[in-house]
Amino acid sequence: MHEFAIAEGLVKIAQEELRKLGDPPPKPLAVHIAAGALNQIVKESLDLAFETLTADTPLAGACLVLRLIPAGGVCAKCGWEGSFPKPPFFCPKCESARVTLTSGRELYLESLEIEDVLTVDQTGSVL
């Protein structure tokens, strides 16, 4: 279950980014990540690991949002570029195996969605 290791790294990075936003940090509503299809992430396992690792942290209760990036490539023989539905990776145009993968291995924190907190003065005016 490599999702636990992925979640550990994500939680660490997300907490570092939250600390940069203030002390105390704002309340995160969602953590958005992008992951290539070749990482073979099982979303339910990643959700469970994220929930477990964020309990009793500033990230507790935040939703994990996954954007899946398909495997893509370019053919060295005919120049075709596009996405592959699944392995094995052969050019769908000329059936060559001389393809170079250009996407599908990514894994990164895309954004943090945080609660919008307004500061008001004693008259009720937004600062």
C-alpha atoms as a PDB file:
ATOM      1  CA  MET A   1       0.000   0.000   0.000  1.00  0.00           C
ATOM      2  CA  HIS A   2       2.211   2.825  -1.274  1.00  0.00           C
ATOM      3  CA  GLU A   3      -0.664   5.264  -0.772  1.00  0.00           C
ATOM      4  CA  PHE A   4       0.329   5.630   2.891  1.00  0.00           C
ATOM      5  CA  ALA A   5       3.833   6.797   1.936  1.00  0.00           C
ATOM      6  CA  ILE A   6       2.347   9.164  -0.644  1.00  0.00           C
ATOM      7  CA  ALA A   7      -0.059  10.558   1.967  1.00  0.00           C
ATOM      8  CA  GLU A   8       2.816  11.066   4.439  1.00  0.00           C
ATOM      9  CA  GLY A   9       4.681  13.221   1.950  1.00  0.00           C
ATOM     10  CA  LEU A  10       1.535  15.128   1.029  1.00  0.00           C
ATOM     11  CA  VAL A  11       0.659  15.871   4.643  1.00  0.00           C
ATOM     12  CA  LYS A  12       4.186  17.120   5.334  1.00  0.00           C
ATOM     13  CA  ILE A  13       4.168  19.444   2.313  1.00  0.00           C
ATOM     14  CA  ALA A  14       0.623  20.694   2.981  1.00  0.00           C
ATOM     15  CA  GLN A  15       1.465  21.478   6.603  1.00  0.00           C
ATOM     16  CA  GLU A  16       4.599  23.384   5.531  1.00  0.00           C
ATOM     17  CA  GLU A  17       2.536  25.433   3.079  1.00  0.00           C
ATOM     18  CA  LEU A  18      -0.132  26.155   5.702  1.00  0.00           C
ATOM     19  CA  ARG A  19       2.506  27.426   8.152  1.00  0.00           C
ATOM     20  CA  LYS A  20       3.616  29.941   5.528  1.00  0.00           C
ATOM     21  CA  LEU A  21       0.107  31.449   5.555  1.00  0.00           C
ATOM     22  CA  GLY A  22       0.137  32.545   9.192  1.00  0.00           C
ATOM     23  CA  ASP A  23       0.178  31.617  12.827  1.00  0.00           C
ATOM     24  CA  PRO A  24      -2.216  30.131  13.542  1.00  0.00           C
ATOM     25  CA  PRO A  25      -2.593  28.756  10.025  1.00  0.00           C
ATOM     26  CA  PRO A  26      -5.924  29.158   8.221  1.00  0.00           C
ATOM     27  CA  LYS A  27      -8.325  26.223   8.249  1.00  0.00           C
ATOM     28  CA  PRO A  28      -7.857  24.065   5.160  1.00  0.00           C
ATOM     29  CA  LEU A  29     -11.025  22.847   3.459  1.00  0.00           C
ATOM     30  CA  ALA A  30      -9.394  20.764   0.726  1.00  0.00           C
ATOM     31  CA  VAL A  31      -6.002  19.559  -0.409  1.00  0.00           C
ATOM     32  CA  HIS A  32      -5.798  19.266  -4.201  1.00  0.00           C
ATOM     33  CA  ILE A  33      -3.224  16.938  -5.701  1.00  0.00           C
ATOM     34  CA  ALA A  34      -2.322  15.908  -9.228  1.00  0.00           C
ATOM     35  CA  ALA A  35      -1.148  12.370  -9.869  1.00  0.00           C
ATOM     36  CA  GLY A  36      -0.146  10.574 -13.018  1.00  0.00           C
ATOM     37  CA  ALA A  37      -2.036   7.401 -13.903  1.00  0.00           C
ATOM     38  CA  LEU A  38       1.210   5.418 -13.835  1.00  0.00           C
ATOM     39  CA  ASN A  39       1.414   5.933 -10.052  1.00  0.00           C
ATOM     40  CA  GLN A  40      -1.525   3.507  -9.830  1.00  0.00           C
ATOM     41  CA  ILE A  41      -3.005   5.248  -6.822  1.00  0.00           C
ATOM     42  CA  VAL A  42      -6.079   3.656  -5.263  1.00  0.00           C
ATOM     43  CA  LYS A  43      -8.126   6.709  -4.258  1.00  0.00           C
ATOM     44  CA  GLU A  44      -9.908   4.976  -1.368  1.00  0.00           C
ATOM     45  CA  SER A  45      -6.580   3.852   0.130  1.00  0.00           C
ATOM     46  CA  LEU A  46      -5.106   7.332  -0.256  1.00  0.00           C
ATOM     47  CA  ASP A  47      -8.193   8.869   1.394  1.00  0.00           C
ATOM     48  CA  LEU A  48      -7.903   6.469   4.345  1.00  0.00           C
ATOM     49  CA  ALA A  49      -4.187   7.167   4.781  1.00  0.00           C
ATOM     50  CA  PHE A  50      -4.750  10.933   4.515  1.00  0.00           C
ATOM     51  CA  GLU A  51      -7.567  10.846   7.069  1.00  0.00           C
ATOM     52  CA  THR A  52      -5.483   8.757   9.475  1.00  0.00           C
ATOM     53  CA  LEU A  53      -2.378  10.937   9.151  1.00  0.00           C
ATOM     54  CA  THR A  54      -4.218  14.249   9.478  1.00  0.00           C
ATOM     55  CA  ALA A  55      -6.169  13.389  12.634  1.00  0.00           C
ATOM     56  CA  ASP A  56      -5.229  15.886  15.372  1.00  0.00           C
ATOM     57  CA  THR A  57      -3.403  18.159  12.898  1.00  0.00           C
ATOM     58  CA  PRO A  58      -4.423  21.464  11.300  1.00  0.00           C
ATOM     59  CA  LEU A  59      -5.382  19.410   8.215  1.00  0.00           C
ATOM     60  CA  ALA A  60      -7.977  17.340  10.110  1.00  0.00           C
ATOM     61  CA  GLY A  61     -11.290  17.347   8.269  1.00  0.00           C
ATOM     62  CA  ALA A  62      -9.870  18.626   4.985  1.00  0.00           C
ATOM     63  CA  CYS A  63     -11.056  16.857   1.852  1.00  0.00           C
ATOM     64  CA  LEU A  64      -8.477  15.259  -0.450  1.00  0.00           C
ATOM     65  CA  VAL A  65      -9.150  16.008  -4.128  1.00  0.00           C
ATOM     66  CA  LEU A  66      -7.279  13.965  -6.742  1.00  0.00           C
ATOM     67  CA  ARG A  67      -6.829  15.061 -10.362  1.00  0.00           C
ATOM     68  CA  LEU A  68      -5.652  12.129 -12.454  1.00  0.00           C
ATOM     69  CA  ILE A  69      -3.210  12.859 -15.280  1.00  0.00           C
ATOM     70  CA  PRO A  70      -3.329  10.252 -18.068  1.00  0.00           C
ATOM     71  CA  ALA A  71      -0.220   8.565 -19.436  1.00  0.00           C
ATOM     72  CA  GLY A  72       0.878  10.383 -22.541  1.00  0.00           C
ATOM     73  CA  GLY A  73       3.694  10.121 -24.999  1.00  0.00           C
ATOM     74  CA  VAL A  74       5.212  10.779 -28.365  1.00  0.00           C
ATOM     75  CA  CYS A  75       6.176   8.275 -31.063  1.00  0.00           C
ATOM     76  CA  ALA A  76       9.774   8.476 -32.301  1.00  0.00           C
ATOM     77  CA  LYS A  77       8.821   6.764 -35.559  1.00  0.00           C
ATOM     78  CA  CYS A  78       5.828   8.751 -36.850  1.00  0.00           C
ATOM     79  CA  GLY A  79       5.608  11.731 -34.481  1.00  0.00           C
ATOM     80  CA  TRP A  80       2.180  10.900 -33.027  1.00  0.00           C
ATOM     81  CA  GLU A  81       1.483  12.608 -29.670  1.00  0.00           C
ATOM     82  CA  GLY A  82      -1.328  11.776 -27.315  1.00  0.00           C
ATOM     83  CA  SER A  83      -2.630   9.778 -24.377  1.00  0.00           C
ATOM     84  CA  PHE A  84      -2.437   6.041 -23.866  1.00  0.00           C
ATOM     85  CA  PRO A  85      -5.499   4.294 -22.472  1.00  0.00           C
ATOM     86  CA  LYS A  86      -3.395   1.608 -20.707  1.00  0.00           C
ATOM     87  CA  PRO A  87      -0.125  -0.351 -21.028  1.00  0.00           C
ATOM     88  CA  PRO A  88       1.526  -1.649 -23.109  1.00  0.00           C
ATOM     89  CA  PHE A  89       2.465   1.656 -24.720  1.00  0.00           C
ATOM     90  CA  PHE A  90       2.483   1.276 -28.484  1.00  0.00           C
ATOM     91  CA  CYS A  91       1.804   4.069 -30.942  1.00  0.00           C
ATOM     92  CA  PRO A  92      -1.865   3.836 -31.925  1.00  0.00           C
ATOM     93  CA  LYS A  93      -1.034   5.295 -35.358  1.00  0.00           C
ATOM     94  CA  CYS A  94       1.911   3.165 -36.548  1.00  0.00           C
ATOM     95  CA  GLU A  95       2.012   0.497 -33.793  1.00  0.00           C
ATOM     96  CA  SER A  96       5.674   1.240 -33.018  1.00  0.00           C
ATOM     97  CA  ALA A  97       7.057   0.529 -29.557  1.00  0.00           C
ATOM     98  CA  ARG A  98       9.433   3.481 -29.938  1.00  0.00           C
ATOM     99  CA  VAL A  99       7.400   5.795 -27.745  1.00  0.00           C
ATOM    100  CA  THR A 100       8.641   8.177 -25.080  1.00  0.00           C
ATOM    101  CA  LEU A 101       6.393   8.811 -22.115  1.00  0.00           C
ATOM    102  CA  THR A 102       5.771  12.511 -21.532  1.00  0.00           C
ATOM    103  CA  SER A 103       3.175  12.342 -18.757  1.00  0.00           C
ATOM    104  CA  GLY A 104       1.651   9.963 -16.271  1.00  0.00           C
ATOM    105  CA  ARG A 105       4.343   9.889 -13.573  1.00  0.00           C
ATOM    106  CA  GLU A 106       3.540  13.252 -11.950  1.00  0.00           C
ATOM    107  CA  LEU A 107       2.707  13.562  -8.267  1.00  0.00           C
ATOM    108  CA  TYR A 108       2.434  16.953  -6.627  1.00  0.00           C
ATOM    109  CA  LEU A 109       0.410  19.216  -4.366  1.00  0.00           C
ATOM    110  CA  GLU A 110      -1.615  21.365  -6.727  1.00  0.00           C
ATOM    111  CA  SER A 111      -3.324  23.712  -4.273  1.00  0.00           C
ATOM    112  CA  LEU A 112      -4.762  24.203  -0.819  1.00  0.00           C
ATOM    113  CA  GLU A 113      -8.322  25.401  -0.492  1.00  0.00           C
ATOM    114  CA  ILE A 114      -8.602  27.383   2.731  1.00  0.00           C
ATOM    115  CA  GLU A 115     -11.453  28.872   4.689  1.00  0.00           C
ATOM    116  CA  ASP A 116     -12.033  32.520   3.908  1.00  0.00           C
ATOM    117  CA  VAL A 117     -11.724  34.367   7.190  1.00  0.00           C
ATOM    118  CA  LEU A 118     -12.734  38.014   7.299  1.00  0.00           C
ATOM    119  CA  THR A 119     -11.316  40.391   9.850  1.00  0.00           C
ATOM    120  CA  VAL A 120     -13.811  42.925  11.172  1.00  0.00           C
ATOM    121  CA  ASP A 121     -13.320  45.909  13.424  1.00  0.00           C
ATOM    122  CA  GLN A 122     -15.486  46.740  16.434  1.00  0.00           C
ATOM    123  CA  THR A 123     -18.061  48.494  14.220  1.00  0.00           C
ATOM    124  CA  GLY A 124     -18.497  45.391  12.081  1.00  0.00           C
ATOM    125  CA  SER A 125     -16.660  46.779   9.073  1.00  0.00           C
ATOM    126  CA  VAL A 126     -14.497  44.384   7.096  1.00  0.00           C
ATOM    127  CA  LEU A 127     -10.815  45.287   7.262  1.00  0.00           C
END
